[in-house]
Amino acid sequence: MAISFDKAFGVHQHALVARSGRAELLAGNLANADTPGYKAKDMDFQAALSQAQNNQNFSLSRTHLQHFAVELSPPGTVQYRVPTQPDTGDGNTVDVQAERNSYMENALQYQASLEFLNGKINGLLKAIKGDSM
């Protein structure tokens, strides 16, 4: 009998991909907190999760070996965040405290999915080896 990893791991394997992408966006926001004119970005997590589940790949084909490999985000996944603070005069919309909170919340949710997957993998290993619980 074959093991279906999609059934065994559920949505958590796809959630890791989406959470990882969101962590990159939030880290970019924090890194550009003092960059004039930088607009804070965030991700529509539900759209990113469904994109990861459907394995939708938005990449351009390479016609020559020296061309860059380019992957595009699906439309509507990455969006600019609506500023929650008044403009400081430089056009930057990053609220450092809000970004830190979002980053930590995302990291906790990433860790929770990772722990869940770890438990599932350990259970599968026990089943394969024939270990009793």
Protein backbone atom coordinates (compact mmCIF):
# COMPACT_ATOMS: atom_id res chain seq x y z
CA MET A 1 0.00 0.00 0.00
CA ALA A 2 1.46 3.36 -1.05
CA ILE A 3 1.70 6.27 1.34
CA SER A 4 0.11 9.48 0.10
CA PHE A 5 2.11 12.34 1.56
CA ASP A 6 -0.58 14.81 0.60
CA LYS A 7 -3.09 12.91 2.73
CA ALA A 8 -0.60 12.25 5.54
CA PHE A 9 0.66 15.83 5.87
CA GLY A 10 -2.50 17.70 4.96
CA VAL A 11 -2.33 21.42 4.48
CA HIS A 12 0.72 21.92 6.70
CA GLN A 13 3.29 21.16 4.01
CA HIS A 14 1.77 23.89 1.85
CA ALA A 15 1.41 26.25 4.79
CA LEU A 16 5.19 26.08 5.31
CA VAL A 17 5.76 27.33 1.77
CA ALA A 18 3.29 30.20 2.17
CA ARG A 19 4.59 31.13 5.65
CA SER A 20 8.17 31.12 4.37
CA GLY A 21 7.24 33.54 1.59
CA ARG A 22 5.44 35.79 4.05
CA ALA A 23 8.46 35.77 6.36
CA GLU A 24 10.60 37.03 3.47
CA LEU A 25 8.17 39.87 2.77
CA LEU A 26 7.97 40.91 6.42
CA ALA A 27 11.76 40.74 6.82
CA GLY A 28 12.08 42.93 3.73
CA ASN A 29 9.71 45.44 5.31
CA LEU A 30 11.79 45.53 8.50
CA ALA A 31 15.02 45.87 6.52
CA ASN A 32 13.60 48.85 4.63
CA ALA A 33 12.05 50.62 7.62
CA ASP A 34 14.29 53.65 7.05
CA THR A 35 14.25 53.62 3.24
CA PRO A 36 12.50 56.74 1.91
CA GLY A 37 9.52 55.93 -0.28
CA TYR A 38 9.42 52.22 0.60
CA LYS A 39 5.91 50.79 0.70
CA ALA A 40 5.26 47.96 3.17
CA LYS A 41 4.07 44.71 1.58
CA ASP A 42 2.19 41.74 2.94
CA MET A 43 0.74 38.57 1.58
CA ASP A 44 -2.81 37.36 1.23
CA PHE A 45 -2.13 34.13 3.10
CA GLN A 46 -5.25 32.32 1.89
CA ALA A 47 -4.39 33.08 -1.76
CA ALA A 48 -0.78 32.00 -1.23
CA LEU A 49 -1.88 28.81 0.51
CA SER A 50 -4.29 27.85 -2.26
CA GLN A 51 -1.58 28.66 -4.83
CA ALA A 52 0.86 26.39 -2.97
CA GLN A 53 -1.74 23.62 -2.70
CA ASN A 54 -2.52 23.75 -6.41
CA ASN A 55 1.20 23.84 -7.29
CA GLN A 56 0.61 26.82 -9.54
CA ASN A 57 3.97 27.85 -10.91
CA PHE A 58 4.30 31.25 -12.47
CA SER A 59 7.74 31.08 -14.01
CA LEU A 60 9.02 32.21 -17.36
CA SER A 61 10.61 29.65 -19.62
CA ARG A 62 14.30 30.09 -20.40
CA THR A 63 15.19 30.01 -24.08
CA HIS A 64 18.92 30.41 -23.49
CA LEU A 65 21.20 29.13 -20.72
CA GLN A 66 22.40 32.62 -19.86
CA HIS A 67 18.90 33.99 -19.31
CA PHE A 68 17.80 34.59 -15.74
CA ALA A 69 15.35 32.17 -14.18
CA VAL A 70 12.36 34.30 -13.22
CA GLU A 71 9.44 33.28 -11.04
CA LEU A 72 6.44 35.54 -10.67
CA SER A 73 4.09 35.79 -7.73
CA PRO A 74 0.51 34.94 -8.61
CA PRO A 75 -1.71 37.99 -8.99
CA GLY A 76 -3.23 39.16 -5.72
CA THR A 77 -0.83 37.26 -3.47
CA VAL A 78 1.56 40.11 -2.61
CA GLN A 79 -0.11 43.39 -1.80
CA TYR A 80 0.88 46.75 -0.39
CA ARG A 81 -0.13 47.23 3.20
CA VAL A 82 -2.49 50.07 4.10
CA PRO A 83 -0.53 52.42 6.39
CA THR A 84 -1.71 52.62 9.99
CA GLN A 85 0.42 55.62 10.93
CA PRO A 86 0.55 59.14 9.52
CA ASP A 87 3.12 59.88 6.83
CA THR A 88 6.46 60.90 8.34
CA GLY A 89 7.34 62.95 5.29
CA ASP A 90 9.57 60.43 3.54
CA GLY A 91 6.77 58.29 2.03
CA ASN A 92 7.76 55.16 3.94
CA THR A 93 4.74 53.14 5.14
CA VAL A 94 6.55 50.62 7.39
CA ASP A 95 5.33 50.51 11.00
CA VAL A 96 8.22 48.71 12.71
CA GLN A 97 6.22 47.53 15.72
CA ALA A 98 3.40 46.14 13.57
CA GLU A 99 5.93 44.42 11.28
CA ARG A 100 7.71 42.82 14.25
CA ASN A 101 4.40 41.58 15.62
CA SER A 102 3.38 40.17 12.24
CA TYR A 103 6.79 38.56 11.81
CA MET A 104 6.65 36.90 15.24
CA GLU A 105 3.07 35.70 14.70
CA ASN A 106 4.07 34.25 11.33
CA ALA A 107 7.14 32.58 12.89
CA LEU A 108 4.98 30.96 15.59
CA GLN A 109 2.53 29.66 13.02
CA TYR A 110 5.43 28.36 10.90
CA GLN A 111 6.85 26.58 13.95
CA ALA A 112 3.45 25.07 14.76
CA SER A 113 3.15 23.63 11.24
CA LEU A 114 6.71 22.35 11.48
CA GLU A 115 6.00 20.62 14.79
CA PHE A 116 2.83 19.08 13.38
CA LEU A 117 4.74 17.75 10.35
CA ASN A 118 7.49 16.42 12.61
CA GLY A 119 4.91 14.45 14.60
CA LYS A 120 3.36 13.08 11.40
CA ILE A 121 6.79 12.03 10.06
CA ASN A 122 7.68 10.33 13.34
CA GLY A 123 4.37 8.47 13.23
CA LEU A 124 5.00 7.33 9.66
CA LEU A 125 8.51 6.17 10.59
CA LYS A 126 7.11 4.13 13.47
CA ALA A 127 4.54 2.58 11.14
CA ILE A 128 7.19 1.73 8.54
CA LYS A 129 9.56 0.24 11.11
CA GLY A 130 6.75 -1.61 12.87
CA ASP A 131 7.45 0.02 16.24
CA SER A 132 4.72 -0.08 18.80
CA MET A 133 3.51 3.16 20.31
